[in-house]
């Protein structure tokens, strides 16, 4: 598919390529952060960030918390859901 066709189809769907990339990155970040075996530095690399600090900053802006705190909250919510 050509770049123009993709752009047109995304416009028809009411989304930009940048929005799609950001949404996908956020979903993948949540997925990787839920995997305790995946190091935070590796998560940053897998998401295409230049370095871990860029990832930490972006997550702090988007989610309002650090990656470590995000993981802690998710684990607590999971434990709470099972009780």
PDB file of N, CA and C in Angstrom:
ATOM      1  N   UNK A   1       0.855  -1.162   0.000  1.00  0.00           N
ATOM      2  CA  UNK A   1       0.000   0.000   0.000  1.00  0.00           C
ATOM      3  C   UNK A   1       0.906   1.231   0.000  1.00  0.00           C
ATOM      4  N   UNK A   2       0.530   2.209  -0.744  1.00  0.00           N
ATOM      5  CA  UNK A   2       1.326   3.433  -0.820  1.00  0.00           C
ATOM      6  C   UNK A   2       1.106   4.275   0.438  1.00  0.00           C
ATOM      7  N   UNK A   3       2.044   5.161   0.677  1.00  0.00           N
ATOM      8  CA  UNK A   3       1.940   6.056   1.829  1.00  0.00           C
ATOM      9  C   UNK A   3       0.681   6.916   1.728  1.00  0.00           C
ATOM     10  N   UNK A   4       0.371   7.373   0.543  1.00  0.00           N
ATOM     11  CA  UNK A   4      -0.815   8.219   0.344  1.00  0.00           C
ATOM     12  C   UNK A   4      -2.101   7.443   0.615  1.00  0.00           C
ATOM     13  N   UNK A   5      -2.158   6.194   0.185  1.00  0.00           N
ATOM     14  CA  UNK A   5      -3.342   5.371   0.446  1.00  0.00           C
ATOM     15  C   UNK A   5      -3.520   5.154   1.946  1.00  0.00           C
ATOM     16  N   UNK A   6      -2.430   4.863   2.630  1.00  0.00           N
ATOM     17  CA  UNK A   6      -2.491   4.690   4.083  1.00  0.00           C
ATOM     18  C   UNK A   6      -2.978   5.963   4.751  1.00  0.00           C
ATOM     19  N   UNK A   7      -2.430   7.086   4.340  1.00  0.00           N
ATOM     20  CA  UNK A   7      -2.823   8.373   4.900  1.00  0.00           C
ATOM     21  C   UNK A   7      -4.313   8.628   4.677  1.00  0.00           C
ATOM     22  N   UNK A   8      -4.797   8.331   3.504  1.00  0.00           N
ATOM     23  CA  UNK A   8      -6.211   8.529   3.167  1.00  0.00           C
ATOM     24  C   UNK A   8      -7.102   7.602   4.011  1.00  0.00           C
ATOM     25  N   UNK A   9      -6.709   6.360   4.155  1.00  0.00           N
ATOM     26  CA  UNK A   9      -7.509   5.408   4.944  1.00  0.00           C
ATOM     27  C   UNK A   9      -7.532   5.785   6.421  1.00  0.00           C
ATOM     28  N   UNK A  10      -6.407   6.245   6.919  1.00  0.00           N
ATOM     29  CA  UNK A  10      -6.374   6.690   8.311  1.00  0.00           C
ATOM     30  C   UNK A  10      -7.265   7.922   8.487  1.00  0.00           C
ATOM     31  N   UNK A  11      -7.213   8.837   7.536  1.00  0.00           N
ATOM     32  CA  UNK A  11      -8.070  10.027   7.597  1.00  0.00           C
ATOM     33  C   UNK A  11      -9.538   9.628   7.576  1.00  0.00           C
ATOM     34  N   UNK A  12      -9.876   8.641   6.748  1.00  0.00           N
ATOM     35  CA  UNK A  12     -11.261   8.150   6.700  1.00  0.00           C
ATOM     36  C   UNK A  12     -11.685   7.564   8.046  1.00  0.00           C
ATOM     37  N   UNK A  13     -10.725   6.989   8.762  1.00  0.00           N
ATOM     38  CA  UNK A  13     -11.003   6.401  10.077  1.00  0.00           C
ATOM     39  C   UNK A  13     -10.942   7.444  11.191  1.00  0.00           C
ATOM     40  N   UNK A  14     -10.561   8.672  10.830  1.00  0.00           N
ATOM     41  CA  UNK A  14     -10.522   9.747  11.810  1.00  0.00           C
ATOM     42  C   UNK A  14      -9.304   9.726  12.722  1.00  0.00           C
ATOM     43  N   UNK A  15      -8.185   9.223  12.224  1.00  0.00           N
ATOM     44  CA  UNK A  15      -6.973   9.135  13.028  1.00  0.00           C
ATOM     45  C   UNK A  15      -5.763   9.487  12.170  1.00  0.00           C
ATOM     46  N   UNK A  16      -4.753  10.039  12.789  1.00  0.00           N
ATOM     47  CA  UNK A  16      -3.521  10.333  12.061  1.00  0.00           C
ATOM     48  C   UNK A  16      -2.509   9.221  12.317  1.00  0.00           C
ATOM     49  N   UNK A  17      -1.500   9.168  11.484  1.00  0.00           N
ATOM     50  CA  UNK A  17      -0.453   8.169  11.665  1.00  0.00           C
ATOM     51  C   UNK A  17       0.233   8.364  13.014  1.00  0.00           C
ATOM     52  N   UNK A  18       0.483   9.604  13.384  1.00  0.00           N
ATOM     53  CA  UNK A  18       1.124   9.906  14.666  1.00  0.00           C
ATOM     54  C   UNK A  18       0.266   9.394  15.828  1.00  0.00           C
ATOM     55  N   UNK A  19      -1.036   9.616  15.767  1.00  0.00           N
ATOM     56  CA  UNK A  19      -1.929   9.125  16.818  1.00  0.00           C
ATOM     57  C   UNK A  19      -1.895   7.603  16.898  1.00  0.00           C
ATOM     58  N   UNK A  20      -1.870   6.950  15.746  1.00  0.00           N
ATOM     59  CA  UNK A  20      -1.819   5.496  15.702  1.00  0.00           C
ATOM     60  C   UNK A  20      -0.529   4.979  16.325  1.00  0.00           C
ATOM     61  N   UNK A  21       0.579   5.609  15.998  1.00  0.00           N
ATOM     62  CA  UNK A  21       1.870   5.210  16.575  1.00  0.00           C
ATOM     63  C   UNK A  21       1.848   5.394  18.090  1.00  0.00           C
ATOM     64  N   UNK A  22       1.364   6.532  18.562  1.00  0.00           N
ATOM     65  CA  UNK A  22       1.329   6.802  20.000  1.00  0.00           C
ATOM     66  C   UNK A  22       0.411   5.824  20.731  1.00  0.00           C
ATOM     67  N   UNK A  23      -0.736   5.519  20.141  1.00  0.00           N
ATOM     68  CA  UNK A  23      -1.672   4.568  20.747  1.00  0.00           C
ATOM     69  C   UNK A  23      -1.042   3.177  20.826  1.00  0.00           C
ATOM     70  N   UNK A  24      -0.377   2.777  19.762  1.00  0.00           N
ATOM     71  CA  UNK A  24       0.281   1.468  19.723  1.00  0.00           C
ATOM     72  C   UNK A  24       1.405   1.415  20.742  1.00  0.00           C
ATOM     73  N   UNK A  25       2.209   2.476  20.819  1.00  0.00           N
ATOM     74  CA  UNK A  25       3.286   2.540  21.802  1.00  0.00           C
ATOM     75  C   UNK A  25       2.744   2.425  23.221  1.00  0.00           C
ATOM     76  N   UNK A  26       1.638   3.102  23.496  1.00  0.00           N
ATOM     77  CA  UNK A  26       1.047   3.065  24.838  1.00  0.00           C
ATOM     78  C   UNK A  26       0.567   1.652  25.170  1.00  0.00           C
ATOM     79  N   UNK A  27      -0.098   1.010  24.235  1.00  0.00           N
ATOM     80  CA  UNK A  27      -0.566  -0.355  24.455  1.00  0.00           C
ATOM     81  C   UNK A  27       0.596  -1.307  24.691  1.00  0.00           C
ATOM     82  N   UNK A  28       1.647  -1.171  23.874  1.00  0.00           N
ATOM     83  CA  UNK A  28       2.821  -2.020  24.050  1.00  0.00           C
ATOM     84  C   UNK A  28       3.532  -1.722  25.363  1.00  0.00           C
ATOM     85  N   UNK A  29       3.594  -0.453  25.749  1.00  0.00           N
ATOM     86  CA  UNK A  29       4.216  -0.096  27.025  1.00  0.00           C
ATOM     87  C   UNK A  29       3.485  -0.787  28.170  1.00  0.00           C
ATOM     88  N   UNK A  30       2.170  -0.740  28.152  1.00  0.00           N
ATOM     89  CA  UNK A  30       1.380  -1.418  29.188  1.00  0.00           C
ATOM     90  C   UNK A  30       1.662  -2.912  29.184  1.00  0.00           C
ATOM     91  N   UNK A  31       1.715  -3.503  28.017  1.00  0.00           N
ATOM     92  CA  UNK A  31       1.995  -4.938  27.894  1.00  0.00           C
ATOM     93  C   UNK A  31       3.363  -5.275  28.479  1.00  0.00           C
ATOM     94  N   UNK A  32       4.390  -4.545  28.066  1.00  0.00           N
ATOM     95  CA  UNK A  32       5.747  -4.830  28.540  1.00  0.00           C
ATOM     96  C   UNK A  32       5.885  -4.558  30.035  1.00  0.00           C
ATOM     97  N   UNK A  33       5.260  -3.504  30.529  1.00  0.00           N
ATOM     98  CA  UNK A  33       5.373  -3.186  31.947  1.00  0.00           C
ATOM     99  C   UNK A  33       4.686  -4.229  32.821  1.00  0.00           C
ATOM    100  N   UNK A  34       3.694  -4.899  32.281  1.00  0.00           N
ATOM    101  CA  UNK A  34       3.033  -5.965  33.039  1.00  0.00           C
ATOM    102  C   UNK A  34       3.889  -7.225  33.120  1.00  0.00           C
ATOM    103  N   UNK A  35       4.881  -7.331  32.234  1.00  0.00           N
ATOM    104  CA  UNK A  35       5.784  -8.477  32.211  1.00  0.00           C
ATOM    105  C   UNK A  35       6.980  -8.167  33.101  1.00  0.00           C
ATOM    106  N   UNK A  36       6.989  -8.685  34.310  1.00  0.00           N
ATOM    107  CA  UNK A  36       8.071  -8.354  35.240  1.00  0.00           C
ATOM    108  C   UNK A  36       9.431  -8.848  34.752  1.00  0.00           C
ATOM    109  N   UNK A  37       9.443  -9.798  33.833  1.00  0.00           N
ATOM    110  CA  UNK A  37      10.707 -10.309  33.311  1.00  0.00           C
ATOM    111  C   UNK A  37      11.363  -9.342  32.329  1.00  0.00           C
ATOM    112  N   UNK A  38      10.609  -8.383  31.835  1.00  0.00           N
ATOM    113  CA  UNK A  38      11.139  -7.406  30.872  1.00  0.00           C
ATOM    114  C   UNK A  38      11.649  -6.202  31.658  1.00  0.00           C
ATOM    115  N   UNK A  39      12.953  -5.969  31.579  1.00  0.00           N
ATOM    116  CA  UNK A  39      13.570  -4.835  32.274  1.00  0.00           C
ATOM    117  C   UNK A  39      13.046  -3.521  31.706  1.00  0.00           C
ATOM    118  N   UNK A  40      13.053  -2.485  32.520  1.00  0.00           N
ATOM    119  CA  UNK A  40      12.567  -1.182  32.083  1.00  0.00           C
ATOM    120  C   UNK A  40      13.412  -0.624  30.944  1.00  0.00           C
ATOM    121  N   UNK A  41      14.723  -0.823  30.993  1.00  0.00           N
ATOM    122  CA  UNK A  41      15.583  -0.359  29.898  1.00  0.00           C
ATOM    123  C   UNK A  41      15.258  -1.092  28.602  1.00  0.00           C
ATOM    124  N   UNK A  42      14.961  -2.387  28.705  1.00  0.00           N
ATOM    125  CA  UNK A  42      14.599  -3.166  27.522  1.00  0.00           C
ATOM    126  C   UNK A  42      13.255  -2.689  26.964  1.00  0.00           C
ATOM    127  N   UNK A  43      12.338  -2.375  27.853  1.00  0.00           N
ATOM    128  CA  UNK A  43      11.037  -1.854  27.427  1.00  0.00           C
ATOM    129  C   UNK A  43      11.222  -0.574  26.625  1.00  0.00           C
ATOM    130  N   UNK A  44      12.065   0.313  27.114  1.00  0.00           N
ATOM    131  CA  UNK A  44      12.332   1.566  26.399  1.00  0.00           C
ATOM    132  C   UNK A  44      12.887   1.280  25.014  1.00  0.00           C
ATOM    133  N   UNK A  45      13.813   0.347  24.923  1.00  0.00           N
ATOM    134  CA  UNK A  45      14.403  -0.025  23.632  1.00  0.00           C
ATOM    135  C   UNK A  45      13.348  -0.617  22.701  1.00  0.00           C
ATOM    136  N   UNK A  46      12.543  -1.543  23.216  1.00  0.00           N
ATOM    137  CA  UNK A  46      11.520  -2.199  22.395  1.00  0.00           C
ATOM    138  C   UNK A  46      10.489  -1.213  21.853  1.00  0.00           C
ATOM    139  N   UNK A  47      10.254  -0.151  22.595  1.00  0.00           N
ATOM    140  CA  UNK A  47       9.280   0.861  22.171  1.00  0.00           C
ATOM    141  C   UNK A  47       9.883   1.909  21.251  1.00  0.00           C
ATOM    142  N   UNK A  48      11.189   1.813  21.015  1.00  0.00           N
ATOM    143  CA  UNK A  48      11.831   2.722  20.071  1.00  0.00           C
ATOM    144  C   UNK A  48      12.299   4.036  20.654  1.00  0.00           C
ATOM    145  N   UNK A  49      12.404   4.113  21.973  1.00  0.00           N
ATOM    146  CA  UNK A  49      12.907   5.335  22.580  1.00  0.00           C
ATOM    147  C   UNK A  49      14.428   5.367  22.467  1.00  0.00           C
ATOM    148  N   UNK A  50      14.949   6.579  22.363  1.00  0.00           N
ATOM    149  CA  UNK A  50      16.390   6.764  22.211  1.00  0.00           C
ATOM    150  C   UNK A  50      17.140   6.244  23.431  1.00  0.00           C
ATOM    151  N   UNK A  51      16.563   6.441  24.600  1.00  0.00           N
ATOM    152  CA  UNK A  51      17.166   5.938  25.835  1.00  0.00           C
ATOM    153  C   UNK A  51      16.077   5.755  26.881  1.00  0.00           C
ATOM    154  N   UNK A  52      16.446   5.129  27.991  1.00  0.00           N
ATOM    155  CA  UNK A  52      15.466   4.837  29.035  1.00  0.00           C
ATOM    156  C   UNK A  52      14.884   6.119  29.636  1.00  0.00           C
ATOM    157  N   UNK A  53      15.713   7.165  29.773  1.00  0.00           N
ATOM    158  CA  UNK A  53      15.218   8.416  30.346  1.00  0.00           C
ATOM    159  C   UNK A  53      14.105   9.032  29.504  1.00  0.00           C
ATOM    160  N   UNK A  54      14.209   8.907  28.194  1.00  0.00           N
ATOM    161  CA  UNK A  54      13.151   9.421  27.312  1.00  0.00           C
ATOM    162  C   UNK A  54      11.848   8.668  27.558  1.00  0.00           C
ATOM    163  N   UNK A  55      11.946   7.362  27.722  1.00  0.00           N
ATOM    164  CA  UNK A  55      10.768   6.544  28.012  1.00  0.00           C
ATOM    165  C   UNK A  55      10.176   6.922  29.366  1.00  0.00           C
ATOM    166  N   UNK A  56      11.036   7.038  30.390  1.00  0.00           N
ATOM    167  CA  UNK A  56      10.560   7.378  31.728  1.00  0.00           C
ATOM    168  C   UNK A  56       9.842   8.734  31.715  1.00  0.00           C
ATOM    169  N   UNK A  57      10.417   9.699  31.012  1.00  0.00           N
ATOM    170  CA  UNK A  57       9.805  11.020  30.919  1.00  0.00           C
ATOM    171  C   UNK A  57       8.459  10.962  30.213  1.00  0.00           C
ATOM    172  N   UNK A  58       8.404  10.242  29.112  1.00  0.00           N
ATOM    173  CA  UNK A  58       7.161  10.142  28.339  1.00  0.00           C
ATOM    174  C   UNK A  58       6.068   9.461  29.153  1.00  0.00           C
ATOM    175  N   UNK A  59       6.415   8.388  29.857  1.00  0.00           N
ATOM    176  CA  UNK A  59       5.422   7.692  30.661  1.00  0.00           C
ATOM    177  C   UNK A  59       4.936   8.589  31.797  1.00  0.00           C
ATOM    178  N   UNK A  60       5.844   9.342  32.381  1.00  0.00           N
ATOM    179  CA  UNK A  60       5.456  10.267  33.449  1.00  0.00           C
ATOM    180  C   UNK A  60       4.470  11.305  32.951  1.00  0.00           C
ATOM    181  N   UNK A  61       4.664  11.775  31.718  1.00  0.00           N
ATOM    182  CA  UNK A  61       3.758  12.763  31.138  1.00  0.00           C
ATOM    183  C   UNK A  61       2.400  12.130  30.822  1.00  0.00           C
ATOM    184  N   UNK A  62       2.422  10.977  30.185  1.00  0.00           N
ATOM    185  CA  UNK A  62       1.187  10.330  29.722  1.00  0.00           C
ATOM    186  C   UNK A  62       0.406   9.691  30.867  1.00  0.00           C
ATOM    187  N   UNK A  63       1.101   8.968  31.739  1.00  0.00           N
ATOM    188  CA  UNK A  63       0.431   8.222  32.804  1.00  0.00           C
ATOM    189  C   UNK A  63       0.504   8.912  34.167  1.00  0.00           C
ATOM    190  N   UNK A  64       1.354   9.930  34.288  1.00  0.00           N
ATOM    191  CA  UNK A  64       1.474  10.641  35.553  1.00  0.00           C
ATOM    192  C   UNK A  64       2.272   9.906  36.609  1.00  0.00           C
ATOM    193  N   UNK A  65       3.087   8.938  36.173  1.00  0.00           N
ATOM    194  CA  UNK A  65       3.864   8.149  37.119  1.00  0.00           C
ATOM    195  C   UNK A  65       5.093   7.560  36.440  1.00  0.00           C
ATOM    196  N   UNK A  66       6.022   7.104  37.242  1.00  0.00           N
ATOM    197  CA  UNK A  66       7.226   6.466  36.696  1.00  0.00           C
ATOM    198  C   UNK A  66       6.907   5.025  36.302  1.00  0.00           C
ATOM    199  N   UNK A  67       7.743   4.407  35.451  1.00  0.00           N
ATOM    200  CA  UNK A  67       7.499   3.011  35.074  1.00  0.00           C
ATOM    201  C   UNK A  67       7.468   2.066  36.276  1.00  0.00           C
ATOM    202  N   UNK A  68       8.375   2.262  37.216  1.00  0.00           N
ATOM    203  CA  UNK A  68       8.396   1.395  38.406  1.00  0.00           C
ATOM    204  C   UNK A  68       7.133   1.527  39.230  1.00  0.00           C
ATOM    205  N   UNK A  69       6.683   2.756  39.436  1.00  0.00           N
ATOM    206  CA  UNK A  69       5.451   2.996  40.180  1.00  0.00           C
ATOM    207  C   UNK A  69       4.252   2.444  39.422  1.00  0.00           C
ATOM    208  N   UNK A  70       4.257   2.560  38.095  1.00  0.00           N
ATOM    209  CA  UNK A  70       3.166   2.009  37.281  1.00  0.00           C
ATOM    210  C   UNK A  70       3.052   0.513  37.513  1.00  0.00           C
ATOM    211  N   UNK A  71       4.198  -0.178  37.485  1.00  0.00           N
ATOM    212  CA  UNK A  71       4.206  -1.629  37.724  1.00  0.00           C
ATOM    213  C   UNK A  71       3.668  -1.954  39.107  1.00  0.00           C
ATOM    214  N   UNK A  72       4.093  -1.203  40.103  1.00  0.00           N
ATOM    215  CA  UNK A  72       3.648  -1.439  41.480  1.00  0.00           C
ATOM    216  C   UNK A  72       2.136  -1.282  41.589  1.00  0.00           C
ATOM    217  N   UNK A  73       1.593  -0.231  40.973  1.00  0.00           N
ATOM    218  CA  UNK A  73       0.141  -0.007  41.010  1.00  0.00           C
ATOM    219  C   UNK A  73      -0.616  -1.135  40.313  1.00  0.00           C
ATOM    220  N   UNK A  74      -0.089  -1.586  39.168  1.00  0.00           N
ATOM    221  CA  UNK A  74      -0.756  -2.664  38.429  1.00  0.00           C
ATOM    222  C   UNK A  74      -0.766  -3.958  39.234  1.00  0.00           C
ATOM    223  N   UNK A  75       0.342  -4.260  39.877  1.00  0.00           N
ATOM    224  CA  UNK A  75       0.408  -5.474  40.712  1.00  0.00           C
ATOM    225  C   UNK A  75      -0.574  -5.378  41.869  1.00  0.00           C
ATOM    226  N   UNK A  76      -0.627  -4.207  42.510  1.00  0.00           N
ATOM    227  CA  UNK A  76      -1.552  -4.004  43.638  1.00  0.00           C
ATOM    228  C   UNK A  76      -2.999  -4.151  43.161  1.00  0.00           C
ATOM    229  N   UNK A  77      -3.314  -3.606  41.990  1.00  0.00           N
ATOM    230  CA  UNK A  77      -4.676  -3.709  41.459  1.00  0.00           C
ATOM    231  C   UNK A  77      -5.022  -5.168  41.146  1.00  0.00           C
ATOM    232  N   UNK A  78      -4.056  -5.924  40.656  1.00  0.00           N
ATOM    233  CA  UNK A  78      -4.292  -7.336  40.352  1.00  0.00           C
ATOM    234  C   UNK A  78      -4.538  -8.132  41.623  1.00  0.00           C
ATOM    235  N   UNK A  79      -3.733  -7.882  42.639  1.00  0.00           N
ATOM    236  CA  UNK A  79      -3.907  -8.570  43.933  1.00  0.00           C
ATOM    237  C   UNK A  79      -5.268  -8.217  44.520  1.00  0.00           C
ATOM    238  N   UNK A  80      -5.620  -6.939  44.445  1.00  0.00           N
ATOM    239  CA  UNK A  80      -6.902  -6.476  44.979  1.00  0.00           C
ATOM    240  C   UNK A  80      -8.084  -7.124  44.250  1.00  0.00           C
ATOM    241  N   UNK A  81      -7.941  -7.293  42.943  1.00  0.00           N
ATOM    242  CA  UNK A  81      -9.014  -7.897  42.157  1.00  0.00           C
ATOM    243  C   UNK A  81      -9.250  -9.352  42.542  1.00  0.00           C
ATOM    244  N   UNK A  82      -8.230 -10.027  43.019  1.00  0.00           N
ATOM    245  CA  UNK A  82      -8.352 -11.443  43.381  1.00  0.00           C
ATOM    246  C   UNK A  82      -8.860 -11.632  44.807  1.00  0.00           C
ATOM    247  N   UNK A  83      -8.970 -10.534  45.559  1.00  0.00           N
ATOM    248  CA  UNK A  83      -9.455 -10.673  46.943  1.00  0.00           C
ATOM    249  C   UNK A  83     -10.866 -10.217  47.097  1.00  0.00           C
TER     250      UNK A  83
END
